[in-house]
Amino acid sequence: MRKNSHYLNCEAPICQNDPNPNFKKEVIWLPGEKVCRKFPYEKFQRKQLSINILVNKERFKNTSRAYTAHRLENSCI
């Protein structure tokens, strides 16, 4: 995984500050990883937070599946 300048301010794999214009389709996130805390939350961030709640309760089945922000925003997960 390459390090982008957004890692200077945010440790989340998918970040609103990512300088890559295609970050929503190219950067992956695994359930349980950190979520960008930049406000206002985008749809993908709200979905990540919901998934992480289920992961913490051991109720999310696809913990090894990688997601992109685009998929989080446009799929029924």
Foldseek 3Di string as FASTA:
>chain_A
DDDAPVCVPDVFQQEPPGPPPCQQPPTKDFQPTDAYPDPPDDQLRVLSVVSNVCVVVVNHDPRVDIHGSVCSNPDDD
